[in-house]
Amino acid sequence: MADTTYVKFETPDDVRNKVLQLVEVATETGKIKKGTNEVTKVIERGEAKIVILAEDVQPPEVVLHIPLLCDEKGIPYLYVQKKDDLGQKAKLKSSAAIAILEPGNGKQLLDELSEKFKEIKK
């Protein structure tokens, strides 16, 4: 069985702001999936370009499997503090997890955040 140790890392504030900006741009000009179940499906299919998780999800077990799946599939993931902030950028009340399938006009931002993920997660 795969290594199931999961180490959550801190996403710096400047990166969080860019993550929310990317979600907003991708919502308007690209393609996203919202919610834990949808996000899990697109990760398993290898369709997600990046995954965003909210830190204030209760209970945390709801999204705990997502970073492990992302690691398995080589998909970057980052955190934002509040699911309400994440949801609002995706035109929802709140969302625990969002996967970006097509960044739309946010491609440059996506590339930048994918690189940041590699630096942060080391």
PDB file of N, CA and C in Angstrom:
ATOM      1  N   MET A   1       0.837  -1.201   0.000  1.00  0.00           N
ATOM      2  CA  MET A   1       0.000   0.000   0.000  1.00  0.00           C
ATOM      3  C   MET A   1       0.875   1.255   0.000  1.00  0.00           C
ATOM      4  N   ALA A   2       0.360   2.304  -0.589  1.00  0.00           N
ATOM      5  CA  ALA A   2       1.107   3.563  -0.682  1.00  0.00           C
ATOM      6  C   ALA A   2       1.312   4.178   0.701  1.00  0.00           C
ATOM      7  N   ASP A   3       2.309   5.020   0.771  1.00  0.00           N
ATOM      8  CA  ASP A   3       2.595   5.721   2.020  1.00  0.00           C
ATOM      9  C   ASP A   3       1.439   6.671   2.323  1.00  0.00           C
ATOM     10  N   THR A   4       0.810   6.495   3.460  1.00  0.00           N
ATOM     11  CA  THR A   4      -0.355   7.320   3.773  1.00  0.00           C
ATOM     12  C   THR A   4      -0.026   8.430   4.762  1.00  0.00           C
ATOM     13  N   THR A   5       1.258   8.701   4.974  1.00  0.00           N
ATOM     14  CA  THR A   5       1.584   9.821   5.843  1.00  0.00           C
ATOM     15  C   THR A   5       1.329  11.097   5.063  1.00  0.00           C
ATOM     16  N   TYR A   6       0.688  12.012   5.726  1.00  0.00           N
ATOM     17  CA  TYR A   6       0.292  13.240   5.067  1.00  0.00           C
ATOM     18  C   TYR A   6       0.812  14.402   5.882  1.00  0.00           C
ATOM     19  N   VAL A   7       1.615  15.224   5.245  1.00  0.00           N
ATOM     20  CA  VAL A   7       2.156  16.399   5.926  1.00  0.00           C
ATOM     21  C   VAL A   7       1.553  17.634   5.276  1.00  0.00           C
ATOM     22  N   LYS A   8       0.761  18.356   6.061  1.00  0.00           N
ATOM     23  CA  LYS A   8       0.157  19.579   5.540  1.00  0.00           C
ATOM     24  C   LYS A   8       1.215  20.672   5.609  1.00  0.00           C
ATOM     25  N   PHE A   9       1.279  21.472   4.579  1.00  0.00           N
ATOM     26  CA  PHE A   9       2.257  22.547   4.554  1.00  0.00           C
ATOM     27  C   PHE A   9       1.542  23.892   4.574  1.00  0.00           C
ATOM     28  N   GLU A  10       2.290  24.908   4.941  1.00  0.00           N
ATOM     29  CA  GLU A  10       1.751  26.263   5.039  1.00  0.00           C
ATOM     30  C   GLU A  10       1.848  26.937   3.668  1.00  0.00           C
ATOM     31  N   THR A  11       0.760  27.507   3.205  1.00  0.00           N
ATOM     32  CA  THR A  11       0.772  28.271   1.960  1.00  0.00           C
ATOM     33  C   THR A  11       0.944  29.742   2.334  1.00  0.00           C
ATOM     34  N   PRO A  12       2.026  30.389   1.869  1.00  0.00           N
ATOM     35  CA  PRO A  12       2.244  31.811   2.203  1.00  0.00           C
ATOM     36  C   PRO A  12       1.089  32.697   1.716  1.00  0.00           C
ATOM     37  N   ASP A  13       0.865  33.806   2.416  1.00  0.00           N
ATOM     38  CA  ASP A  13      -0.252  34.702   2.101  1.00  0.00           C
ATOM     39  C   ASP A  13      -0.236  35.207   0.663  1.00  0.00           C
ATOM     40  N   ASP A  14       0.950  35.596   0.158  1.00  0.00           N
ATOM     41  CA  ASP A  14       0.997  36.122  -1.208  1.00  0.00           C
ATOM     42  C   ASP A  14       0.581  35.047  -2.211  1.00  0.00           C
ATOM     43  N   VAL A  15       0.926  33.794  -1.904  1.00  0.00           N
ATOM     44  CA  VAL A  15       0.545  32.675  -2.780  1.00  0.00           C
ATOM     45  C   VAL A  15      -0.964  32.436  -2.684  1.00  0.00           C
ATOM     46  N   ARG A  16      -1.503  32.516  -1.470  1.00  0.00           N
ATOM     47  CA  ARG A  16      -2.958  32.341  -1.289  1.00  0.00           C
ATOM     48  C   ARG A  16      -3.750  33.338  -2.124  1.00  0.00           C
ATOM     49  N   ASN A  17      -3.282  34.596  -2.120  1.00  0.00           N
ATOM     50  CA  ASN A  17      -3.980  35.630  -2.890  1.00  0.00           C
ATOM     51  C   ASN A  17      -3.973  35.292  -4.376  1.00  0.00           C
ATOM     52  N   LYS A  18      -2.844  34.787  -4.868  1.00  0.00           N
ATOM     53  CA  LYS A  18      -2.744  34.404  -6.279  1.00  0.00           C
ATOM     54  C   LYS A  18      -3.624  33.190  -6.577  1.00  0.00           C
ATOM     55  N   VAL A  19      -3.719  32.280  -5.600  1.00  0.00           N
ATOM     56  CA  VAL A  19      -4.567  31.094  -5.762  1.00  0.00           C
ATOM     57  C   VAL A  19      -6.027  31.531  -5.946  1.00  0.00           C
ATOM     58  N   LEU A  20      -6.481  32.445  -5.101  1.00  0.00           N
ATOM     59  CA  LEU A  20      -7.862  32.930  -5.198  1.00  0.00           C
ATOM     60  C   LEU A  20      -8.081  33.666  -6.524  1.00  0.00           C
ATOM     61  N   GLN A  21      -7.069  34.414  -6.948  1.00  0.00           N
ATOM     62  CA  GLN A  21      -7.137  35.128  -8.232  1.00  0.00           C
ATOM     63  C   GLN A  21      -7.269  34.117  -9.373  1.00  0.00           C
ATOM     64  N   LEU A  22      -6.492  33.042  -9.308  1.00  0.00           N
ATOM     65  CA  LEU A  22      -6.541  32.005 -10.343  1.00  0.00           C
ATOM     66  C   LEU A  22      -7.926  31.346 -10.388  1.00  0.00           C
ATOM     67  N   VAL A  23      -8.489  31.055  -9.222  1.00  0.00           N
ATOM     68  CA  VAL A  23      -9.824  30.429  -9.165  1.00  0.00           C
ATOM     69  C   VAL A  23     -10.845  31.344  -9.838  1.00  0.00           C
ATOM     70  N   GLU A  24     -10.744  32.639  -9.544  1.00  0.00           N
ATOM     71  CA  GLU A  24     -11.676  33.608 -10.119  1.00  0.00           C
ATOM     72  C   GLU A  24     -11.544  33.664 -11.649  1.00  0.00           C
ATOM     73  N   VAL A  25     -10.310  33.750 -12.142  1.00  0.00           N
ATOM     74  CA  VAL A  25     -10.069  33.818 -13.593  1.00  0.00           C
ATOM     75  C   VAL A  25     -10.517  32.524 -14.273  1.00  0.00           C
ATOM     76  N   ALA A  26     -10.171  31.383 -13.681  1.00  0.00           N
ATOM     77  CA  ALA A  26     -10.541  30.088 -14.268  1.00  0.00           C
ATOM     78  C   ALA A  26     -12.056  29.889 -14.264  1.00  0.00           C
ATOM     79  N   THR A  27     -12.729  30.399 -13.244  1.00  0.00           N
ATOM     80  CA  THR A  27     -14.192  30.301 -13.174  1.00  0.00           C
ATOM     81  C   THR A  27     -14.818  31.072 -14.333  1.00  0.00           C
ATOM     82  N   GLU A  28     -14.242  32.241 -14.636  1.00  0.00           N
ATOM     83  CA  GLU A  28     -14.806  33.100 -15.673  1.00  0.00           C
ATOM     84  C   GLU A  28     -14.388  32.703 -17.088  1.00  0.00           C
ATOM     85  N   THR A  29     -13.133  32.225 -17.263  1.00  0.00           N
ATOM     86  CA  THR A  29     -12.633  32.016 -18.627  1.00  0.00           C
ATOM     87  C   THR A  29     -12.183  30.582 -18.910  1.00  0.00           C
ATOM     88  N   GLY A  30     -12.164  29.731 -17.888  1.00  0.00           N
ATOM     89  CA  GLY A  30     -11.683  28.362 -18.072  1.00  0.00           C
ATOM     90  C   GLY A  30     -12.709  27.345 -17.656  1.00  0.00           C
ATOM     91  N   LYS A  31     -12.241  26.298 -16.985  1.00  0.00           N
ATOM     92  CA  LYS A  31     -13.136  25.227 -16.556  1.00  0.00           C
ATOM     93  C   LYS A  31     -12.680  24.729 -15.190  1.00  0.00           C
ATOM     94  N   ILE A  32     -13.622  24.687 -14.237  1.00  0.00           N
ATOM     95  CA  ILE A  32     -13.305  24.196 -12.894  1.00  0.00           C
ATOM     96  C   ILE A  32     -14.323  23.141 -12.468  1.00  0.00           C
ATOM     97  N   LYS A  33     -13.956  22.379 -11.449  1.00  0.00           N
ATOM     98  CA  LYS A  33     -14.884  21.460 -10.794  1.00  0.00           C
ATOM     99  C   LYS A  33     -14.923  21.871  -9.332  1.00  0.00           C
ATOM    100  N   LYS A  34     -16.131  21.842  -8.757  1.00  0.00           N
ATOM    101  CA  LYS A  34     -16.320  22.315  -7.392  1.00  0.00           C
ATOM    102  C   LYS A  34     -16.836  21.193  -6.502  1.00  0.00           C
ATOM    103  N   GLY A  35     -16.368  21.192  -5.260  1.00  0.00           N
ATOM    104  CA  GLY A  35     -16.861  20.224  -4.287  1.00  0.00           C
ATOM    105  C   GLY A  35     -15.976  18.988  -4.211  1.00  0.00           C
ATOM    106  N   THR A  36     -15.922  18.391  -3.044  1.00  0.00           N
ATOM    107  CA  THR A  36     -15.032  17.275  -2.760  1.00  0.00           C
ATOM    108  C   THR A  36     -15.225  16.096  -3.724  1.00  0.00           C
ATOM    109  N   ASN A  37     -16.470  15.704  -3.977  1.00  0.00           N
ATOM    110  CA  ASN A  37     -16.715  14.540  -4.845  1.00  0.00           C
ATOM    111  C   ASN A  37     -16.268  14.784  -6.280  1.00  0.00           C
ATOM    112  N   GLU A  38     -16.638  15.932  -6.832  1.00  0.00           N
ATOM    113  CA  GLU A  38     -16.248  16.266  -8.210  1.00  0.00           C
ATOM    114  C   GLU A  38     -14.729  16.372  -8.325  1.00  0.00           C
ATOM    115  N   VAL A  39     -14.117  17.015  -7.342  1.00  0.00           N
ATOM    116  CA  VAL A  39     -12.662  17.206  -7.350  1.00  0.00           C
ATOM    117  C   VAL A  39     -11.957  15.848  -7.281  1.00  0.00           C
ATOM    118  N   THR A  40     -12.452  14.969  -6.417  1.00  0.00           N
ATOM    119  CA  THR A  40     -11.864  13.628  -6.296  1.00  0.00           C
ATOM    120  C   THR A  40     -11.911  12.904  -7.640  1.00  0.00           C
ATOM    121  N   LYS A  41     -13.042  12.992  -8.338  1.00  0.00           N
ATOM    122  CA  LYS A  41     -13.194  12.316  -9.637  1.00  0.00           C
ATOM    123  C   LYS A  41     -12.187  12.820 -10.670  1.00  0.00           C
ATOM    124  N   VAL A  42     -12.035  14.162 -10.775  1.00  0.00           N
ATOM    125  CA  VAL A  42     -11.131  14.686 -11.812  1.00  0.00           C
ATOM    126  C   VAL A  42      -9.662  14.438 -11.468  1.00  0.00           C
ATOM    127  N   ILE A  43      -9.351  14.304 -10.167  1.00  0.00           N
ATOM    128  CA  ILE A  43      -7.976  13.940  -9.779  1.00  0.00           C
ATOM    129  C   ILE A  43      -7.723  12.494 -10.209  1.00  0.00           C
ATOM    130  N   GLU A  44      -8.661  11.609  -9.890  1.00  0.00           N
ATOM    131  CA  GLU A  44      -8.503  10.194 -10.239  1.00  0.00           C
ATOM    132  C   GLU A  44      -8.354   9.995 -11.749  1.00  0.00           C
ATOM    133  N   ARG A  45      -9.039  10.839 -12.531  1.00  0.00           N
ATOM    134  CA  ARG A  45      -8.939  10.746 -13.994  1.00  0.00           C
ATOM    135  C   ARG A  45      -7.704  11.466 -14.529  1.00  0.00           C
ATOM    136  N   GLY A  46      -6.991  12.178 -13.643  1.00  0.00           N
ATOM    137  CA  GLY A  46      -5.801  12.919 -14.067  1.00  0.00           C
ATOM    138  C   GLY A  46      -6.122  14.165 -14.875  1.00  0.00           C
ATOM    139  N   GLU A  47      -7.324  14.711 -14.699  1.00  0.00           N
ATOM    140  CA  GLU A  47      -7.758  15.871 -15.484  1.00  0.00           C
ATOM    141  C   GLU A  47      -7.455  17.200 -14.808  1.00  0.00           C
ATOM    142  N   ALA A  48      -7.256  17.187 -13.496  1.00  0.00           N
ATOM    143  CA  ALA A  48      -7.025  18.438 -12.763  1.00  0.00           C
ATOM    144  C   ALA A  48      -5.617  18.956 -13.023  1.00  0.00           C
ATOM    145  N   LYS A  49      -5.512  20.266 -13.245  1.00  0.00           N
ATOM    146  CA  LYS A  49      -4.199  20.904 -13.434  1.00  0.00           C
ATOM    147  C   LYS A  49      -3.636  21.341 -12.083  1.00  0.00           C
ATOM    148  N   ILE A  50      -4.531  21.752 -11.190  1.00  0.00           N
ATOM    149  CA  ILE A  50      -4.162  22.152  -9.827  1.00  0.00           C
ATOM    150  C   ILE A  50      -5.421  22.034  -8.977  1.00  0.00           C
ATOM    151  N   VAL A  51      -5.229  21.753  -7.687  1.00  0.00           N
ATOM    152  CA  VAL A  51      -6.354  21.602  -6.763  1.00  0.00           C
ATOM    153  C   VAL A  51      -6.181  22.601  -5.628  1.00  0.00           C
ATOM    154  N   ILE A  52      -7.277  23.246  -5.244  1.00  0.00           N
ATOM    155  CA  ILE A  52      -7.262  24.217  -4.156  1.00  0.00           C
ATOM    156  C   ILE A  52      -8.144  23.679  -3.030  1.00  0.00           C
ATOM    157  N   LEU A  53      -7.609  23.681  -1.817  1.00  0.00           N
ATOM    158  CA  LEU A  53      -8.344  23.190  -0.646  1.00  0.00           C
ATOM    159  C   LEU A  53      -8.501  24.305   0.382  1.00  0.00           C
ATOM    160  N   ALA A  54      -9.620  24.293   1.077  1.00  0.00           N
ATOM    161  CA  ALA A  54      -9.834  25.250   2.165  1.00  0.00           C
ATOM    162  C   ALA A  54      -9.332  24.624   3.464  1.00  0.00           C
ATOM    163  N   GLU A  55      -8.709  25.443   4.305  1.00  0.00           N
ATOM    164  CA  GLU A  55      -8.159  24.943   5.565  1.00  0.00           C
ATOM    165  C   GLU A  55      -9.203  24.799   6.662  1.00  0.00           C
ATOM    166  N   ASP A  56     -10.340  25.495   6.526  1.00  0.00           N
ATOM    167  CA  ASP A  56     -11.323  25.493   7.616  1.00  0.00           C
ATOM    168  C   ASP A  56     -12.437  24.468   7.425  1.00  0.00           C
ATOM    169  N   VAL A  57     -12.174  23.420   6.657  1.00  0.00           N
ATOM    170  CA  VAL A  57     -13.181  22.378   6.427  1.00  0.00           C
ATOM    171  C   VAL A  57     -13.348  21.547   7.705  1.00  0.00           C
ATOM    172  N   GLN A  58     -14.609  21.353   8.102  1.00  0.00           N
ATOM    173  CA  GLN A  58     -14.907  20.561   9.300  1.00  0.00           C
ATOM    174  C   GLN A  58     -15.881  19.450   8.954  1.00  0.00           C
ATOM    175  N   PRO A  59     -15.616  18.215   9.348  1.00  0.00           N
ATOM    176  CA  PRO A  59     -14.336  17.739   9.886  1.00  0.00           C
ATOM    177  C   PRO A  59     -13.281  17.681   8.779  1.00  0.00           C
ATOM    178  N   PRO A  60     -11.993  17.817   9.129  1.00  0.00           N
ATOM    179  CA  PRO A  60     -10.937  17.840   8.120  1.00  0.00           C
ATOM    180  C   PRO A  60     -10.870  16.557   7.286  1.00  0.00           C
ATOM    181  N   GLU A  61     -11.402  15.459   7.805  1.00  0.00           N
ATOM    182  CA  GLU A  61     -11.398  14.179   7.088  1.00  0.00           C
ATOM    183  C   GLU A  61     -12.113  14.265   5.741  1.00  0.00           C
ATOM    184  N   VAL A  62     -13.006  15.247   5.598  1.00  0.00           N
ATOM    185  CA  VAL A  62     -13.759  15.421   4.354  1.00  0.00           C
ATOM    186  C   VAL A  62     -12.814  15.589   3.165  1.00  0.00           C
ATOM    187  N   VAL A  63     -11.701  16.307   3.362  1.00  0.00           N
ATOM    188  CA  VAL A  63     -10.769  16.560   2.255  1.00  0.00           C
ATOM    189  C   VAL A  63      -9.398  15.912   2.459  1.00  0.00           C
ATOM    190  N   LEU A  64      -9.260  15.134   3.507  1.00  0.00           N
ATOM    191  CA  LEU A  64      -7.952  14.564   3.854  1.00  0.00           C
ATOM    192  C   LEU A  64      -7.378  13.646   2.778  1.00  0.00           C
ATOM    193  N   HIS A  65      -8.241  12.979   2.022  1.00  0.00           N
ATOM    194  CA  HIS A  65      -7.764  12.060   0.978  1.00  0.00           C
ATOM    195  C   HIS A  65      -7.238  12.793  -0.255  1.00  0.00           C
ATOM    196  N   ILE A  66      -7.616  14.042  -0.425  1.00  0.00           N
ATOM    197  CA  ILE A  66      -7.300  14.766  -1.657  1.00  0.00           C
ATOM    198  C   ILE A  66      -5.792  14.998  -1.851  1.00  0.00           C
ATOM    199  N   PRO A  67      -5.052  15.487  -0.837  1.00  0.00           N
ATOM    200  CA  PRO A  67      -3.606  15.659  -1.051  1.00  0.00           C
ATOM    201  C   PRO A  67      -2.897  14.341  -1.385  1.00  0.00           C
ATOM    202  N   LEU A  68      -3.324  13.255  -0.773  1.00  0.00           N
ATOM    203  CA  LEU A  68      -2.711  11.947  -1.057  1.00  0.00           C
ATOM    204  C   LEU A  68      -2.949  11.549  -2.509  1.00  0.00           C
ATOM    205  N   LEU A  69      -4.180  11.743  -2.971  1.00  0.00           N
ATOM    206  CA  LEU A  69      -4.516  11.444  -4.372  1.00  0.00           C
ATOM    207  C   LEU A  69      -3.700  12.329  -5.321  1.00  0.00           C
ATOM    208  N   CYS A  70      -3.606  13.617  -4.977  1.00  0.00           N
ATOM    209  CA  CYS A  70      -2.846  14.558  -5.811  1.00  0.00           C
ATOM    210  C   CYS A  70      -1.389  14.125  -5.912  1.00  0.00           C
ATOM    211  N   ASP A  71      -0.797  13.735  -4.776  1.00  0.00           N
ATOM    212  CA  ASP A  71       0.602  13.287  -4.770  1.00  0.00           C
ATOM    213  C   ASP A  71       0.766  12.064  -5.666  1.00  0.00           C
ATOM    214  N   GLU A  72      -0.185  11.161  -5.556  1.00  0.00           N
ATOM    215  CA  GLU A  72      -0.161   9.928  -6.348  1.00  0.00           C
ATOM    216  C   GLU A  72      -0.199  10.226  -7.857  1.00  0.00           C
ATOM    217  N   LYS A  73      -0.991  11.240  -8.233  1.00  0.00           N
ATOM    218  CA  LYS A  73      -1.177  11.576  -9.647  1.00  0.00           C
ATOM    219  C   LYS A  73      -0.237  12.692 -10.124  1.00  0.00           C
ATOM    220  N   GLY A  74       0.560  13.237  -9.199  1.00  0.00           N
ATOM    221  CA  GLY A  74       1.475  14.311  -9.576  1.00  0.00           C
ATOM    222  C   GLY A  74       0.778  15.630  -9.864  1.00  0.00           C
ATOM    223  N   ILE A  75      -0.317  15.887  -9.165  1.00  0.00           N
ATOM    224  CA  ILE A  75      -1.083  17.125  -9.364  1.00  0.00           C
ATOM    225  C   ILE A  75      -0.787  18.079  -8.207  1.00  0.00           C
ATOM    226  N   PRO A  76      -0.381  19.322  -8.513  1.00  0.00           N
ATOM    227  CA  PRO A  76      -0.110  20.280  -7.436  1.00  0.00           C
ATOM    228  C   PRO A  76      -1.398  20.682  -6.710  1.00  0.00           C
ATOM    229  N   TYR A  77      -1.256  20.996  -5.430  1.00  0.00           N
ATOM    230  CA  TYR A  77      -2.400  21.469  -4.647  1.00  0.00           C
ATOM    231  C   TYR A  77      -1.918  22.518  -3.658  1.00  0.00           C
ATOM    232  N   LEU A  78      -2.787  23.484  -3.397  1.00  0.00           N
ATOM    233  CA  LEU A  78      -2.462  24.562  -2.461  1.00  0.00           C
ATOM    234  C   LEU A  78      -3.681  24.833  -1.586  1.00  0.00           C
ATOM    235  N   TYR A  79      -3.442  25.575  -0.520  1.00  0.00           N
ATOM    236  CA  TYR A  79      -4.505  25.864   0.443  1.00  0.00           C
ATOM    237  C   TYR A  79      -4.864  27.340   0.484  1.00  0.00           C
ATOM    238  N   VAL A  80      -6.126  27.597   0.782  1.00  0.00           N
ATOM    239  CA  VAL A  80      -6.580  28.933   1.153  1.00  0.00           C
ATOM    240  C   VAL A  80      -7.192  28.791   2.543  1.00  0.00           C
ATOM    241  N   GLN A  81      -7.308  29.889   3.262  1.00  0.00           N
ATOM    242  CA  GLN A  81      -7.764  29.788   4.647  1.00  0.00           C
ATOM    243  C   GLN A  81      -9.234  29.416   4.790  1.00  0.00           C
ATOM    244  N   LYS A  82     -10.092  30.062   4.013  1.00  0.00           N
ATOM    245  CA  LYS A  82     -11.527  29.891   4.244  1.00  0.00           C
ATOM    246  C   LYS A  82     -12.277  29.335   3.035  1.00  0.00           C
ATOM    247  N   LYS A  83     -13.169  28.390   3.314  1.00  0.00           N
ATOM    248  CA  LYS A  83     -13.978  27.812   2.229  1.00  0.00           C
ATOM    249  C   LYS A  83     -14.947  28.846   1.665  1.00  0.00           C
ATOM    250  N   ASP A  84     -15.318  29.835   2.476  1.00  0.00           N
ATOM    251  CA  ASP A  84     -16.197  30.900   1.978  1.00  0.00           C
ATOM    252  C   ASP A  84     -15.473  31.734   0.913  1.00  0.00           C
ATOM    253  N   ASP A  85     -14.195  32.054   1.162  1.00  0.00           N
ATOM    254  CA  ASP A  85     -13.397  32.814   0.182  1.00  0.00           C
ATOM    255  C   ASP A  85     -13.253  32.009  -1.106  1.00  0.00           C
ATOM    256  N   LEU A  86     -12.949  30.733  -0.941  1.00  0.00           N
ATOM    257  CA  LEU A  86     -12.766  29.857  -2.095  1.00  0.00           C
ATOM    258  C   LEU A  86     -14.062  29.765  -2.902  1.00  0.00           C
ATOM    259  N   GLY A  87     -15.169  29.578  -2.202  1.00  0.00           N
ATOM    260  CA  GLY A  87     -16.465  29.479  -2.856  1.00  0.00           C
ATOM    261  C   GLY A  87     -16.844  30.751  -3.595  1.00  0.00           C
ATOM    262  N   GLN A  88     -16.635  31.893  -2.957  1.00  0.00           N
ATOM    263  CA  GLN A  88     -17.011  33.175  -3.576  1.00  0.00           C
ATOM    264  C   GLN A  88     -16.287  33.398  -4.897  1.00  0.00           C
ATOM    265  N   LYS A  89     -15.010  33.017  -4.963  1.00  0.00           N
ATOM    266  CA  LYS A  89     -14.244  33.198  -6.206  1.00  0.00           C
ATOM    267  C   LYS A  89     -14.768  32.281  -7.308  1.00  0.00           C
ATOM    268  N   ALA A  90     -15.439  31.201  -6.903  1.00  0.00           N
ATOM    269  CA  ALA A  90     -16.016  30.264  -7.871  1.00  0.00           C
ATOM    270  C   ALA A  90     -17.527  30.476  -8.013  1.00  0.00           C
ATOM    271  N   LYS A  91     -17.995  31.628  -7.545  1.00  0.00           N
ATOM    272  CA  LYS A  91     -19.418  31.997  -7.636  1.00  0.00           C
ATOM    273  C   LYS A  91     -20.333  31.045  -6.861  1.00  0.00           C
ATOM    274  N   LEU A  92     -19.866  30.630  -5.684  1.00  0.00           N
ATOM    275  CA  LEU A  92     -20.655  29.792  -4.774  1.00  0.00           C
ATOM    276  C   LEU A  92     -20.659  30.449  -3.402  1.00  0.00           C
ATOM    277  N   LYS A  93     -21.498  29.918  -2.499  1.00  0.00           N
ATOM    278  CA  LYS A  93     -21.469  30.428  -1.123  1.00  0.00           C
ATOM    279  C   LYS A  93     -20.170  29.996  -0.455  1.00  0.00           C
ATOM    280  N   SER A  94     -19.839  28.714  -0.587  1.00  0.00           N
ATOM    281  CA  SER A  94     -18.583  28.218  -0.035  1.00  0.00           C
ATOM    282  C   SER A  94     -18.230  26.905  -0.716  1.00  0.00           C
ATOM    283  N   SER A  95     -16.931  26.546  -0.655  1.00  0.00           N
ATOM    284  CA  SER A  95     -16.487  25.300  -1.263  1.00  0.00           C
ATOM    285  C   SER A  95     -15.256  24.785  -0.533  1.00  0.00           C
ATOM    286  N   ALA A  96     -15.254  23.489  -0.220  1.00  0.00           N
ATOM    287  CA  ALA A  96     -14.129  22.879   0.486  1.00  0.00           C
ATOM    288  C   ALA A  96     -12.966  22.629  -0.456  1.00  0.00           C
ATOM    289  N   ALA A  97     -13.282  22.336  -1.725  1.00  0.00           N
ATOM    290  CA  ALA A  97     -12.235  21.991  -2.688  1.00  0.00           C
ATOM    291  C   ALA A  97     -12.657  22.402  -4.092  1.00  0.00           C
ATOM    292  N   ILE A  98     -11.659  22.833  -4.867  1.00  0.00           N
ATOM    293  CA  ILE A  98     -11.884  23.200  -6.260  1.00  0.00           C
ATOM    294  C   ILE A  98     -10.723  22.665  -7.081  1.00  0.00           C
ATOM    295  N   ALA A  99     -11.037  22.095  -8.230  1.00  0.00           N
ATOM    296  CA  ALA A  99      -9.997  21.646  -9.162  1.00  0.00           C
ATOM    297  C   ALA A  99     -10.102  22.510 -10.412  1.00  0.00           C
ATOM    298  N   ILE A 100      -8.954  22.945 -10.902  1.00  0.00           N
ATOM    299  CA  ILE A 100      -8.937  23.704 -12.144  1.00  0.00           C
ATOM    300  C   ILE A 100      -8.537  22.745 -13.258  1.00  0.00           C
ATOM    301  N   LEU A 101      -9.436  22.612 -14.235  1.00  0.00           N
ATOM    302  CA  LEU A 101      -9.188  21.733 -15.374  1.00  0.00           C
ATOM    303  C   LEU A 101      -8.580  22.514 -16.526  1.00  0.00           C
ATOM    304  N   GLU A 102      -9.106  23.709 -16.762  1.00  0.00           N
ATOM    305  CA  GLU A 102      -8.582  24.608 -17.785  1.00  0.00           C
ATOM    306  C   GLU A 102      -8.464  25.988 -17.148  1.00  0.00           C
ATOM    307  N   PRO A 103      -7.260  26.573 -17.126  1.00  0.00           N
ATOM    308  CA  PRO A 103      -7.087  27.861 -16.453  1.00  0.00           C
ATOM    309  C   PRO A 103      -7.630  29.055 -17.235  1.00  0.00           C
ATOM    310  N   GLY A 104      -7.995  28.864 -18.506  1.00  0.00           N
ATOM    311  CA  GLY A 104      -8.478  29.994 -19.300  1.00  0.00           C
ATOM    312  C   GLY A 104      -7.396  31.053 -19.393  1.00  0.00           C
ATOM    313  N   ASN A 105      -7.746  32.295 -19.059  1.00  0.00           N
ATOM    314  CA  ASN A 105      -6.786  33.403 -19.097  1.00  0.00           C
ATOM    315  C   ASN A 105      -5.777  33.339 -17.950  1.00  0.00           C
ATOM    316  N   GLY A 106      -5.900  32.343 -17.091  1.00  0.00           N
ATOM    317  CA  GLY A 106      -5.019  32.230 -15.930  1.00  0.00           C
ATOM    318  C   GLY A 106      -3.861  31.262 -16.129  1.00  0.00           C
ATOM    319  N   LYS A 107      -3.520  30.940 -17.370  1.00  0.00           N
ATOM    320  CA  LYS A 107      -2.467  29.951 -17.609  1.00  0.00           C
ATOM    321  C   LYS A 107      -1.129  30.345 -16.988  1.00  0.00           C
ATOM    322  N   GLN A 108      -0.745  31.598 -17.152  1.00  0.00           N
ATOM    323  CA  GLN A 108       0.535  32.068 -16.596  1.00  0.00           C
ATOM    324  C   GLN A 108       0.526  31.950 -15.075  1.00  0.00           C
ATOM    325  N   LEU A 109      -0.591  32.305 -14.461  1.00  0.00           N
ATOM    326  CA  LEU A 109      -0.755  32.203 -13.009  1.00  0.00           C
ATOM    327  C   LEU A 109      -0.702  30.737 -12.571  1.00  0.00           C
ATOM    328  N   LEU A 110      -1.334  29.866 -13.323  1.00  0.00           N
ATOM    329  CA  LEU A 110      -1.311  28.432 -13.029  1.00  0.00           C
ATOM    330  C   LEU A 110       0.126  27.908 -13.060  1.00  0.00           C
ATOM    331  N   ASP A 111       0.875  28.280 -14.092  1.00  0.00           N
ATOM    332  CA  ASP A 111       2.269  27.834 -14.206  1.00  0.00           C
ATOM    333  C   ASP A 111       3.091  28.319 -13.014  1.00  0.00           C
ATOM    334  N   GLU A 112       2.877  29.585 -12.655  1.00  0.00           N
ATOM    335  CA  GLU A 112       3.602  30.181 -11.528  1.00  0.00           C
ATOM    336  C   GLU A 112       3.271  29.444 -10.222  1.00  0.00           C
ATOM    337  N   LEU A 113       1.999  29.157 -10.009  1.00  0.00           N
ATOM    338  CA  LEU A 113       1.574  28.484  -8.777  1.00  0.00           C
ATOM    339  C   LEU A 113       2.033  27.029  -8.741  1.00  0.00           C
ATOM    340  N   SER A 114       2.099  26.386  -9.891  1.00  0.00           N
ATOM    341  CA  SER A 114       2.603  25.008  -9.943  1.00  0.00           C
ATOM    342  C   SER A 114       4.067  24.964  -9.510  1.00  0.00           C
ATOM    343  N   GLU A 115       4.832  25.970  -9.928  1.00  0.00           N
ATOM    344  CA  GLU A 115       6.245  26.073  -9.510  1.00  0.00           C
ATOM    345  C   GLU A 115       6.342  26.360  -8.016  1.00  0.00           C
ATOM    346  N   LYS A 116       5.493  27.270  -7.532  1.00  0.00           N
ATOM    347  CA  LYS A 116       5.472  27.614  -6.100  1.00  0.00           C
ATOM    348  C   LYS A 116       5.182  26.377  -5.262  1.00  0.00           C
ATOM    349  N   PHE A 117       4.237  25.551  -5.734  1.00  0.00           N
ATOM    350  CA  PHE A 117       3.875  24.332  -5.020  1.00  0.00           C
ATOM    351  C   PHE A 117       5.109  23.457  -4.808  1.00  0.00           C
ATOM    352  N   LYS A 118       5.919  23.299  -5.856  1.00  0.00           N
ATOM    353  CA  LYS A 118       7.123  22.476  -5.757  1.00  0.00           C
ATOM    354  C   LYS A 118       8.084  23.029  -4.721  1.00  0.00           C
ATOM    355  N   GLU A 119       8.211  24.360  -4.681  1.00  0.00           N
ATOM    356  CA  GLU A 119       9.108  25.010  -3.703  1.00  0.00           C
ATOM    357  C   GLU A 119       8.583  24.833  -2.274  1.00  0.00           C
ATOM    358  N   ILE A 120       7.299  25.073  -2.091  1.00  0.00           N
ATOM    359  CA  ILE A 120       6.686  25.036  -0.750  1.00  0.00           C
ATOM    360  C   ILE A 120       6.680  23.634  -0.180  1.00  0.00           C
ATOM    361  N   LYS A 121       6.397  22.658  -1.007  1.00  0.00           N
ATOM    362  CA  LYS A 121       6.182  21.300  -0.509  1.00  0.00           C
ATOM    363  C   LYS A 121       7.475  20.558  -0.142  1.00  0.00           C
ATOM    364  N   LYS A 122       8.613  21.057  -0.586  1.00  0.00           N
ATOM    365  CA  LYS A 122       9.887  20.375  -0.318  1.00  0.00           C
ATOM    366  C   LYS A 122      10.076  20.029   1.138  1.00  0.00           C
TER     367      LYS A 122
END
